[in-house]
PDB file of all heavy atoms in Angstrom:
ATOM      1  N   GLY A   1       0.835  -1.190   0.000  1.00  0.00           N
ATOM      2  CA  GLY A   1       0.000   0.000   0.000  1.00  0.00           C
ATOM      3  C   GLY A   1       0.870   1.239   0.000  1.00  0.00           C
ATOM      4  O   GLY A   1       2.031   1.187   0.426  1.00  0.00           O
ATOM      5  N   ASP A   2       0.317   2.344  -0.465  1.00  0.00           N
ATOM      6  CA  ASP A   2       1.092   3.575  -0.441  1.00  0.00           C
ATOM      7  C   ASP A   2       0.962   4.236   0.934  1.00  0.00           C
ATOM      8  O   ASP A   2       0.166   3.810   1.771  1.00  0.00           O
ATOM      9  CB  ASP A   2       0.656   4.528  -1.561  1.00  0.00           C
ATOM     10  CG  ASP A   2      -0.693   5.178  -1.278  1.00  0.00           C
ATOM     11  OD1 ASP A   2      -1.459   4.656  -0.449  1.00  0.00           O
ATOM     12  OD2 ASP A   2      -0.980   6.221  -1.883  1.00  0.00           O
ATOM     13  N   ASN A   3       1.767   5.262   1.167  1.00  0.00           N
ATOM     14  CA  ASN A   3       1.816   5.879   2.491  1.00  0.00           C
ATOM     15  C   ASN A   3       0.508   6.562   2.878  1.00  0.00           C
ATOM     16  O   ASN A   3       0.199   6.699   4.062  1.00  0.00           O
ATOM     17  CB  ASN A   3       2.957   6.909   2.542  1.00  0.00           C
ATOM     18  CG  ASN A   3       4.318   6.253   2.518  1.00  0.00           C
ATOM     19  OD1 ASN A   3       4.449   5.085   2.904  1.00  0.00           O
ATOM     20  ND2 ASN A   3       5.317   6.975   2.066  1.00  0.00           N
ATOM     21  N   THR A   4      -0.247   6.965   1.870  1.00  0.00           N
ATOM     22  CA  THR A   4      -1.507   7.653   2.172  1.00  0.00           C
ATOM     23  C   THR A   4      -2.643   6.670   2.410  1.00  0.00           C
ATOM     24  O   THR A   4      -3.754   7.078   2.761  1.00  0.00           O
ATOM     25  CB  THR A   4      -1.903   8.581   1.019  1.00  0.00           C
ATOM     26  OG1 THR A   4      -2.176   7.793  -0.150  1.00  0.00           O
ATOM     27  CG2 THR A   4      -0.795   9.575   0.720  1.00  0.00           C
ATOM     28  N   LYS A   5      -2.360   5.373   2.168  1.00  0.00           N
ATOM     29  CA  LYS A   5      -3.361   4.311   2.337  1.00  0.00           C
ATOM     30  C   LYS A   5      -4.555   4.485   1.404  1.00  0.00           C
ATOM     31  O   LYS A   5      -5.647   3.992   1.687  1.00  0.00           O
ATOM     32  CB  LYS A   5      -3.826   4.209   3.796  1.00  0.00           C
ATOM     33  CG  LYS A   5      -2.706   3.860   4.750  1.00  0.00           C
ATOM     34  CD  LYS A   5      -3.211   3.634   6.151  1.00  0.00           C
ATOM     35  CE  LYS A   5      -2.072   3.245   7.078  1.00  0.00           C
ATOM     36  NZ  LYS A   5      -2.507   2.998   8.453  1.00  0.00           N
ATOM     37  N   THR A   6      -4.335   5.174   0.275  1.00  0.00           N
ATOM     38  CA  THR A   6      -5.421   5.304  -0.690  1.00  0.00           C
ATOM     39  C   THR A   6      -5.251   4.366  -1.872  1.00  0.00           C
ATOM     40  O   THR A   6      -6.187   4.190  -2.649  1.00  0.00           O
ATOM     41  CB  THR A   6      -5.519   6.746  -1.224  1.00  0.00           C
ATOM     42  OG1 THR A   6      -4.274   7.121  -1.828  1.00  0.00           O
ATOM     43  CG2 THR A   6      -5.850   7.716  -0.102  1.00  0.00           C
ATOM     44  N   VAL A   7      -4.069   3.771  -2.031  1.00  0.00           N
ATOM     45  CA  VAL A   7      -3.830   2.868  -3.155  1.00  0.00           C
ATOM     46  C   VAL A   7      -3.200   1.581  -2.633  1.00  0.00           C
ATOM     47  O   VAL A   7      -2.259   1.614  -1.839  1.00  0.00           O
ATOM     48  CB  VAL A   7      -2.903   3.482  -4.213  1.00  0.00           C
ATOM     49  CG1 VAL A   7      -2.782   2.541  -5.411  1.00  0.00           C
ATOM     50  CG2 VAL A   7      -3.410   4.842  -4.659  1.00  0.00           C
ATOM     51  N   VAL A   8      -3.727   0.459  -3.083  1.00  0.00           N
ATOM     52  CA  VAL A   8      -3.143  -0.858  -2.799  1.00  0.00           C
ATOM     53  C   VAL A   8      -2.698  -1.445  -4.121  1.00  0.00           C
ATOM     54  O   VAL A   8      -3.447  -1.425  -5.107  1.00  0.00           O
ATOM     55  CB  VAL A   8      -4.165  -1.771  -2.104  1.00  0.00           C
ATOM     56  CG1 VAL A   8      -3.637  -3.201  -2.018  1.00  0.00           C
ATOM     57  CG2 VAL A   8      -4.482  -1.240  -0.704  1.00  0.00           C
ATOM     58  N   TYR A   9      -1.461  -1.948  -4.136  1.00  0.00           N
ATOM     59  CA  TYR A   9      -0.884  -2.488  -5.358  1.00  0.00           C
ATOM     60  C   TYR A   9      -0.803  -4.013  -5.276  1.00  0.00           C
ATOM     61  O   TYR A   9      -0.555  -4.578  -4.214  1.00  0.00           O
ATOM     62  CB  TYR A   9       0.524  -1.934  -5.559  1.00  0.00           C
ATOM     63  CG  TYR A   9       0.584  -0.434  -5.639  1.00  0.00           C
ATOM     64  CD1 TYR A   9       0.975   0.319  -4.541  1.00  0.00           C
ATOM     65  CD2 TYR A   9       0.250   0.239  -6.811  1.00  0.00           C
ATOM     66  CE1 TYR A   9       1.028   1.702  -4.596  1.00  0.00           C
ATOM     67  CE2 TYR A   9       0.304   1.618  -6.881  1.00  0.00           C
ATOM     68  CZ  TYR A   9       0.688   2.342  -5.772  1.00  0.00           C
ATOM     69  OH  TYR A   9       0.736   3.706  -5.843  1.00  0.00           O
ATOM     70  N   LEU A  10      -0.969  -4.638  -6.418  1.00  0.00           N
ATOM     71  CA  LEU A  10      -0.705  -6.066  -6.548  1.00  0.00           C
ATOM     72  C   LEU A  10       0.369  -6.213  -7.621  1.00  0.00           C
ATOM     73  O   LEU A  10       0.107  -5.990  -8.805  1.00  0.00           O
ATOM     74  CB  LEU A  10      -1.957  -6.845  -6.941  1.00  0.00           C
ATOM     75  CG  LEU A  10      -1.785  -8.356  -7.032  1.00  0.00           C
ATOM     76  CD1 LEU A  10      -1.526  -8.948  -5.640  1.00  0.00           C
ATOM     77  CD2 LEU A  10      -3.006  -9.026  -7.667  1.00  0.00           C
ATOM     78  N   GLN A  11       1.577  -6.539  -7.183  1.00  0.00           N
ATOM     79  CA  GLN A  11       2.693  -6.744  -8.103  1.00  0.00           C
ATOM     80  C   GLN A  11       2.678  -8.207  -8.522  1.00  0.00           C
ATOM     81  O   GLN A  11       2.744  -9.102  -7.663  1.00  0.00           O
ATOM     82  CB  GLN A  11       4.017  -6.385  -7.436  1.00  0.00           C
ATOM     83  CG  GLN A  11       5.241  -6.650  -8.300  1.00  0.00           C
ATOM     84  CD  GLN A  11       5.300  -5.760  -9.522  1.00  0.00           C
ATOM     85  OE1 GLN A  11       5.039  -4.576  -9.439  1.00  0.00           O
ATOM     86  NE2 GLN A  11       5.635  -6.351 -10.671  1.00  0.00           N
ATOM     87  N   MET A  12       2.615  -8.447  -9.811  1.00  0.00           N
ATOM     88  CA  MET A  12       2.533  -9.804 -10.331  1.00  0.00           C
ATOM     89  C   MET A  12       3.717 -10.058 -11.255  1.00  0.00           C
ATOM     90  O   MET A  12       3.870  -9.371 -12.276  1.00  0.00           O
ATOM     91  CB  MET A  12       1.222 -10.014 -11.089  1.00  0.00           C
ATOM     92  CG  MET A  12      -0.017  -9.640 -10.267  1.00  0.00           C
ATOM     93  SD  MET A  12      -1.567 -10.025 -11.100  1.00  0.00           S
ATOM     94  CE  MET A  12      -1.467  -8.927 -12.509  1.00  0.00           C
ATOM     95  N   ASN A  13       4.556 -11.007 -10.877  1.00  0.00           N
ATOM     96  CA  ASN A  13       5.741 -11.351 -11.663  1.00  0.00           C
ATOM     97  C   ASN A  13       5.636 -12.785 -12.159  1.00  0.00           C
ATOM     98  O   ASN A  13       4.840 -13.577 -11.652  1.00  0.00           O
ATOM     99  CB  ASN A  13       6.996 -11.191 -10.797  1.00  0.00           C
ATOM    100  CG  ASN A  13       7.195  -9.776 -10.304  1.00  0.00           C
ATOM    101  OD1 ASN A  13       6.916  -8.796 -11.005  1.00  0.00           O
ATOM    102  ND2 ASN A  13       7.682  -9.645  -9.086  1.00  0.00           N
ATOM    103  N   SER A  14       6.460 -13.107 -13.122  1.00  0.00           N
ATOM    104  CA  SER A  14       6.505 -14.464 -13.684  1.00  0.00           C
ATOM    105  C   SER A  14       5.104 -14.953 -14.022  1.00  0.00           C
ATOM    106  O   SER A  14       4.709 -16.071 -13.660  1.00  0.00           O
ATOM    107  CB  SER A  14       7.190 -15.424 -12.695  1.00  0.00           C
ATOM    108  OG  SER A  14       8.486 -14.992 -12.377  1.00  0.00           O
ATOM    109  N   LEU A  15       4.366 -14.138 -14.707  1.00  0.00           N
ATOM    110  CA  LEU A  15       2.974 -14.471 -15.002  1.00  0.00           C
ATOM    111  C   LEU A  15       2.851 -15.676 -15.913  1.00  0.00           C
ATOM    112  O   LEU A  15       3.711 -15.915 -16.786  1.00  0.00           O
ATOM    113  CB  LEU A  15       2.267 -13.257 -15.617  1.00  0.00           C
ATOM    114  CG  LEU A  15       1.902 -12.172 -14.602  1.00  0.00           C
ATOM    115  CD1 LEU A  15       1.619 -10.847 -15.306  1.00  0.00           C
ATOM    116  CD2 LEU A  15       0.699 -12.598 -13.773  1.00  0.00           C
ATOM    117  N   LYS A  16       1.791 -16.422 -15.686  1.00  0.00           N
ATOM    118  CA  LYS A  16       1.522 -17.636 -16.447  1.00  0.00           C
ATOM    119  C   LYS A  16       0.144 -17.514 -17.107  1.00  0.00           C
ATOM    120  O   LYS A  16      -0.711 -16.759 -16.619  1.00  0.00           O
ATOM    121  CB  LYS A  16       1.497 -18.846 -15.505  1.00  0.00           C
ATOM    122  CG  LYS A  16       2.719 -19.011 -14.639  1.00  0.00           C
ATOM    123  CD  LYS A  16       2.518 -20.137 -13.634  1.00  0.00           C
ATOM    124  CE  LYS A  16       3.688 -20.275 -12.703  1.00  0.00           C
ATOM    125  NZ  LYS A  16       3.478 -21.352 -11.708  1.00  0.00           N
ATOM    126  N   PRO A  17      -0.111 -18.268 -18.162  1.00  0.00           N
ATOM    127  CA  PRO A  17      -1.450 -18.238 -18.767  1.00  0.00           C
ATOM    128  C   PRO A  17      -2.562 -18.531 -17.753  1.00  0.00           C
ATOM    129  O   PRO A  17      -3.658 -17.984 -17.866  1.00  0.00           O
ATOM    130  CB  PRO A  17      -1.359 -19.304 -19.850  1.00  0.00           C
ATOM    131  CG  PRO A  17       0.088 -19.276 -20.259  1.00  0.00           C
ATOM    132  CD  PRO A  17       0.842 -19.040 -18.979  1.00  0.00           C
ATOM    133  N   ASP A  18      -2.270 -19.365 -16.749  1.00  0.00           N
ATOM    134  CA  ASP A  18      -3.272 -19.683 -15.721  1.00  0.00           C
ATOM    135  C   ASP A  18      -3.634 -18.489 -14.843  1.00  0.00           C
ATOM    136  O   ASP A  18      -4.619 -18.538 -14.104  1.00  0.00           O
ATOM    137  CB  ASP A  18      -2.764 -20.809 -14.804  1.00  0.00           C
ATOM    138  CG  ASP A  18      -3.105 -22.180 -15.341  1.00  0.00           C
ATOM    139  OD1 ASP A  18      -3.837 -22.244 -16.362  1.00  0.00           O
ATOM    140  OD2 ASP A  18      -2.656 -23.177 -14.760  1.00  0.00           O
ATOM    141  N   ASP A  19      -2.839 -17.426 -14.912  1.00  0.00           N
ATOM    142  CA  ASP A  19      -3.148 -16.209 -14.146  1.00  0.00           C
ATOM    143  C   ASP A  19      -4.176 -15.339 -14.860  1.00  0.00           C
ATOM    144  O   ASP A  19      -4.618 -14.329 -14.295  1.00  0.00           O
ATOM    145  CB  ASP A  19      -1.870 -15.395 -13.906  1.00  0.00           C
ATOM    146  CG  ASP A  19      -0.861 -16.111 -13.043  1.00  0.00           C
ATOM    147  OD1 ASP A  19      -1.269 -16.727 -12.033  1.00  0.00           O
ATOM    148  OD2 ASP A  19       0.341 -16.057 -13.377  1.00  0.00           O
ATOM    149  N   THR A  20      -4.530 -15.722 -16.064  1.00  0.00           N
ATOM    150  CA  THR A  20      -5.535 -14.957 -16.808  1.00  0.00           C
ATOM    151  C   THR A  20      -6.860 -14.959 -16.064  1.00  0.00           C
ATOM    152  O   THR A  20      -7.392 -16.020 -15.713  1.00  0.00           O
ATOM    153  CB  THR A  20      -5.730 -15.553 -18.218  1.00  0.00           C
ATOM    154  OG1 THR A  20      -4.513 -15.391 -18.953  1.00  0.00           O
ATOM    155  CG2 THR A  20      -6.855 -14.859 -18.953  1.00  0.00           C
ATOM    156  N   ALA A  21      -7.383 -13.775 -15.794  1.00  0.00           N
ATOM    157  CA  ALA A  21      -8.614 -13.640 -15.019  1.00  0.00           C
ATOM    158  C   ALA A  21      -8.993 -12.169 -14.939  1.00  0.00           C
ATOM    159  O   ALA A  21      -8.207 -11.290 -15.327  1.00  0.00           O
ATOM    160  CB  ALA A  21      -8.420 -14.190 -13.605  1.00  0.00           C
ATOM    161  N   VAL A  22     -10.179 -11.923 -14.429  1.00  0.00           N
ATOM    162  CA  VAL A  22     -10.537 -10.575 -14.010  1.00  0.00           C
ATOM    163  C   VAL A  22     -10.124 -10.443 -12.551  1.00  0.00           C
ATOM    164  O   VAL A  22     -10.459 -11.303 -11.728  1.00  0.00           O
ATOM    165  CB  VAL A  22     -12.047 -10.303 -14.169  1.00  0.00           C
ATOM    166  CG1 VAL A  22     -12.385  -8.899 -13.675  1.00  0.00           C
ATOM    167  CG2 VAL A  22     -12.468 -10.468 -15.617  1.00  0.00           C
ATOM    168  N   TYR A  23      -9.367  -9.399 -12.264  1.00  0.00           N
ATOM    169  CA  TYR A  23      -8.864  -9.171 -10.912  1.00  0.00           C
ATOM    170  C   TYR A  23      -9.690  -8.058 -10.249  1.00  0.00           C
ATOM    171  O   TYR A  23      -9.893  -6.990 -10.839  1.00  0.00           O
ATOM    172  CB  TYR A  23      -7.383  -8.789 -10.956  1.00  0.00           C
ATOM    173  CG  TYR A  23      -6.494  -9.977 -11.218  1.00  0.00           C
ATOM    174  CD1 TYR A  23      -6.458 -10.580 -12.475  1.00  0.00           C
ATOM    175  CD2 TYR A  23      -5.694 -10.523 -10.212  1.00  0.00           C
ATOM    176  CE1 TYR A  23      -5.662 -11.682 -12.716  1.00  0.00           C
ATOM    177  CE2 TYR A  23      -4.892 -11.626 -10.444  1.00  0.00           C
ATOM    178  CZ  TYR A  23      -4.877 -12.202 -11.698  1.00  0.00           C
ATOM    179  OH  TYR A  23      -4.086 -13.308 -11.928  1.00  0.00           O
ATOM    180  N   TYR A  24     -10.137  -8.351  -9.041  1.00  0.00           N
ATOM    181  CA  TYR A  24     -10.981  -7.425  -8.287  1.00  0.00           C
ATOM    182  C   TYR A  24     -10.310  -7.081  -6.960  1.00  0.00           C
ATOM    183  O   TYR A  24      -9.684  -7.944  -6.336  1.00  0.00           O
ATOM    184  CB  TYR A  24     -12.327  -8.058  -7.945  1.00  0.00           C
ATOM    185  CG  TYR A  24     -13.164  -8.493  -9.112  1.00  0.00           C
ATOM    186  CD1 TYR A  24     -13.029  -9.765  -9.655  1.00  0.00           C
ATOM    187  CD2 TYR A  24     -14.126  -7.646  -9.651  1.00  0.00           C
ATOM    188  CE1 TYR A  24     -13.819 -10.183 -10.713  1.00  0.00           C
ATOM    189  CE2 TYR A  24     -14.923  -8.047 -10.716  1.00  0.00           C
ATOM    190  CZ  TYR A  24     -14.759  -9.318 -11.236  1.00  0.00           C
ATOM    191  OH  TYR A  24     -15.542  -9.731 -12.287  1.00  0.00           O
ATOM    192  N   CYS A  25     -10.476  -5.860  -6.523  1.00  0.00           N
ATOM    193  CA  CYS A  25     -10.115  -5.563  -5.141  1.00  0.00           C
ATOM    194  C   CYS A  25     -11.396  -5.382  -4.340  1.00  0.00           C
ATOM    195  O   CYS A  25     -12.444  -5.015  -4.874  1.00  0.00           O
ATOM    196  CB  CYS A  25      -9.195  -4.354  -5.018  1.00  0.00           C
ATOM    197  SG  CYS A  25      -9.878  -2.777  -5.529  1.00  0.00           S
ATOM    198  N   MET A  26     -11.269  -5.691  -3.080  1.00  0.00           N
ATOM    199  CA  MET A  26     -12.397  -5.625  -2.154  1.00  0.00           C
ATOM    200  C   MET A  26     -11.902  -5.074  -0.834  1.00  0.00           C
ATOM    201  O   MET A  26     -10.844  -5.489  -0.359  1.00  0.00           O
ATOM    202  CB  MET A  26     -13.013  -7.011  -1.954  1.00  0.00           C
ATOM    203  CG  MET A  26     -14.277  -7.015  -1.116  1.00  0.00           C
ATOM    204  SD  MET A  26     -13.929  -7.271   0.635  1.00  0.00           S
ATOM    205  CE  MET A  26     -13.888  -9.069   0.634  1.00  0.00           C
ATOM    206  N   ALA A  27     -12.655  -4.145  -0.285  1.00  0.00           N
ATOM    207  CA  ALA A  27     -12.296  -3.555   0.991  1.00  0.00           C
ATOM    208  C   ALA A  27     -13.307  -3.954   2.049  1.00  0.00           C
ATOM    209  O   ALA A  27     -14.524  -3.901   1.812  1.00  0.00           O
ATOM    210  CB  ALA A  27     -12.237  -2.034   0.880  1.00  0.00           C
ATOM    211  N   HIS A  28     -12.765  -4.386   3.194  1.00  0.00           N
ATOM    212  CA  HIS A  28     -13.605  -4.573   4.370  1.00  0.00           C
ATOM    213  C   HIS A  28     -13.663  -3.227   5.081  1.00  0.00           C
ATOM    214  O   HIS A  28     -12.618  -2.689   5.452  1.00  0.00           O
ATOM    215  CB  HIS A  28     -12.993  -5.591   5.320  1.00  0.00           C
ATOM    216  CG  HIS A  28     -12.980  -6.991   4.809  1.00  0.00           C
ATOM    217  ND1 HIS A  28     -13.990  -7.879   5.066  1.00  0.00           N
ATOM    218  CD2 HIS A  28     -12.073  -7.664   4.066  1.00  0.00           C
ATOM    219  CE1 HIS A  28     -13.705  -9.043   4.513  1.00  0.00           C
ATOM    220  NE2 HIS A  28     -12.550  -8.944   3.890  1.00  0.00           N
ATOM    221  N   THR A  29     -14.858  -2.718   5.266  1.00  0.00           N
ATOM    222  CA  THR A  29     -15.009  -1.476   5.987  1.00  0.00           C
ATOM    223  C   THR A  29     -15.885  -1.724   7.217  1.00  0.00           C
ATOM    224  O   THR A  29     -16.465  -2.798   7.366  1.00  0.00           O
ATOM    225  CB  THR A  29     -15.651  -0.384   5.126  1.00  0.00           C
ATOM    226  OG1 THR A  29     -17.061  -0.618   5.018  1.00  0.00           O
ATOM    227  CG2 THR A  29     -15.051  -0.355   3.726  1.00  0.00           C
ATOM    228  N   ILE A  30     -15.973  -0.721   8.037  1.00  0.00           N
ATOM    229  CA  ILE A  30     -16.747  -0.885   9.275  1.00  0.00           C
ATOM    230  C   ILE A  30     -18.241  -1.024   8.994  1.00  0.00           C
ATOM    231  O   ILE A  30     -18.999  -1.426   9.877  1.00  0.00           O
ATOM    232  CB  ILE A  30     -16.488   0.283  10.245  1.00  0.00           C
ATOM    233  CG1 ILE A  30     -16.891   1.618   9.614  1.00  0.00           C
ATOM    234  CG2 ILE A  30     -15.038   0.298  10.688  1.00  0.00           C
ATOM    235  CD1 ILE A  30     -16.786   2.788  10.569  1.00  0.00           C
ATOM    236  N   VAL A  31     -18.654  -0.729   7.766  1.00  0.00           N
ATOM    237  CA  VAL A  31     -20.080  -0.857   7.441  1.00  0.00           C
ATOM    238  C   VAL A  31     -20.343  -1.960   6.428  1.00  0.00           C
ATOM    239  O   VAL A  31     -21.494  -2.178   6.046  1.00  0.00           O
ATOM    240  CB  VAL A  31     -20.657   0.473   6.934  1.00  0.00           C
ATOM    241  CG1 VAL A  31     -20.633   1.520   8.043  1.00  0.00           C
ATOM    242  CG2 VAL A  31     -19.930   0.970   5.706  1.00  0.00           C
ATOM    243  N   GLY A  32     -19.296  -2.660   5.993  1.00  0.00           N
ATOM    244  CA  GLY A  32     -19.518  -3.775   5.071  1.00  0.00           C
ATOM    245  C   GLY A  32     -18.428  -3.890   4.025  1.00  0.00           C
ATOM    246  O   GLY A  32     -17.390  -3.257   4.119  1.00  0.00           O
ATOM    247  N   HIS A  33     -18.691  -4.739   3.022  1.00  0.00           N
ATOM    248  CA  HIS A  33     -17.714  -4.987   1.958  1.00  0.00           C
ATOM    249  C   HIS A  33     -17.989  -4.077   0.771  1.00  0.00           C
ATOM    250  O   HIS A  33     -19.141  -3.814   0.427  1.00  0.00           O
ATOM    251  CB  HIS A  33     -17.801  -6.436   1.472  1.00  0.00           C
ATOM    252  CG  HIS A  33     -17.548  -7.439   2.543  1.00  0.00           C
ATOM    253  ND1 HIS A  33     -17.880  -8.770   2.403  1.00  0.00           N
ATOM    254  CD2 HIS A  33     -16.998  -7.321   3.766  1.00  0.00           C
ATOM    255  CE1 HIS A  33     -17.546  -9.419   3.505  1.00  0.00           C
ATOM    256  NE2 HIS A  33     -17.020  -8.561   4.351  1.00  0.00           N
ATOM    257  N   VAL A  34     -16.909  -3.628   0.146  1.00  0.00           N
ATOM    258  CA  VAL A  34     -17.009  -2.820  -1.063  1.00  0.00           C
ATOM    259  C   VAL A  34     -16.135  -3.462  -2.132  1.00  0.00           C
ATOM    260  O   VAL A  34     -14.983  -3.816  -1.851  1.00  0.00           O
ATOM    261  CB  VAL A  34     -16.549  -1.371  -0.817  1.00  0.00           C
ATOM    262  CG1 VAL A  34     -16.629  -0.557  -2.105  1.00  0.00           C
ATOM    263  CG2 VAL A  34     -17.386  -0.725   0.272  1.00  0.00           C
ATOM    264  N   TRP A  35     -16.657  -3.597  -3.352  1.00  0.00           N
ATOM    265  CA  TRP A  35     -15.918  -4.194  -4.456  1.00  0.00           C
ATOM    266  C   TRP A  35     -15.653  -3.152  -5.533  1.00  0.00           C
ATOM    267  O   TRP A  35     -16.463  -2.261  -5.768  1.00  0.00           O
ATOM    268  CB  TRP A  35     -16.734  -5.333  -5.078  1.00  0.00           C
ATOM    269  CG  TRP A  35     -16.857  -6.550  -4.231  1.00  0.00           C
ATOM    270  CD1 TRP A  35     -17.794  -6.799  -3.286  1.00  0.00           C
ATOM    271  CD2 TRP A  35     -15.997  -7.692  -4.274  1.00  0.00           C
ATOM    272  NE1 TRP A  35     -17.583  -8.038  -2.721  1.00  0.00           N
ATOM    273  CE2 TRP A  35     -16.487  -8.611  -3.314  1.00  0.00           C
ATOM    274  CE3 TRP A  35     -14.872  -8.052  -5.007  1.00  0.00           C
ATOM    275  CZ2 TRP A  35     -15.887  -9.851  -3.078  1.00  0.00           C
ATOM    276  CZ3 TRP A  35     -14.278  -9.284  -4.778  1.00  0.00           C
ATOM    277  CH2 TRP A  35     -14.786 -10.165  -3.820  1.00  0.00           C
ATOM    278  N   GLY A  36     -14.529  -3.339  -6.207  1.00  0.00           N
ATOM    279  CA  GLY A  36     -14.266  -2.564  -7.407  1.00  0.00           C
ATOM    280  C   GLY A  36     -14.896  -3.252  -8.605  1.00  0.00           C
ATOM    281  O   GLY A  36     -15.500  -4.329  -8.483  1.00  0.00           O
ATOM    282  N   GLN A  37     -14.729  -2.650  -9.778  1.00  0.00           N
ATOM    283  CA  GLN A  37     -15.381  -3.168 -10.980  1.00  0.00           C
ATOM    284  C   GLN A  37     -14.550  -4.246 -11.674  1.00  0.00           C
ATOM    285  O   GLN A  37     -15.066  -4.939 -12.551  1.00  0.00           O
ATOM    286  CB  GLN A  37     -15.651  -2.012 -11.964  1.00  0.00           C
ATOM    287  CG  GLN A  37     -14.478  -1.627 -12.852  1.00  0.00           C
ATOM    288  CD  GLN A  37     -13.360  -0.908 -12.122  1.00  0.00           C
ATOM    289  OE1 GLN A  37     -13.504  -0.510 -10.964  1.00  0.00           O
ATOM    290  NE2 GLN A  37     -12.235  -0.720 -12.798  1.00  0.00           N
ATOM    291  N   GLY A  38     -13.299  -4.384 -11.281  1.00  0.00           N
ATOM    292  CA  GLY A  38     -12.438  -5.411 -11.856  1.00  0.00           C
ATOM    293  C   GLY A  38     -11.593  -4.894 -13.001  1.00  0.00           C
ATOM    294  O   GLY A  38     -11.943  -3.920 -13.671  1.00  0.00           O
ATOM    295  N   THR A  39     -10.477  -5.559 -13.220  1.00  0.00           N
ATOM    296  CA  THR A  39      -9.599  -5.251 -14.345  1.00  0.00           C
ATOM    297  C   THR A  39      -9.114  -6.563 -14.950  1.00  0.00           C
ATOM    298  O   THR A  39      -8.744  -7.494 -14.232  1.00  0.00           O
ATOM    299  CB  THR A  39      -8.430  -4.344 -13.918  1.00  0.00           C
ATOM    300  OG1 THR A  39      -7.666  -3.955 -15.068  1.00  0.00           O
ATOM    301  CG2 THR A  39      -7.509  -5.018 -12.908  1.00  0.00           C
TER     302      THR A  39
END
């Protein structure tokens, strides 16, 4: 995560065809779960 805690990174190395997918981030908050739209 960055110092401001506004961005979380997923560094992916040595990628394989099996890593092909839609990747989503999800945040646990005090009022529930929030999902992004995916990439």
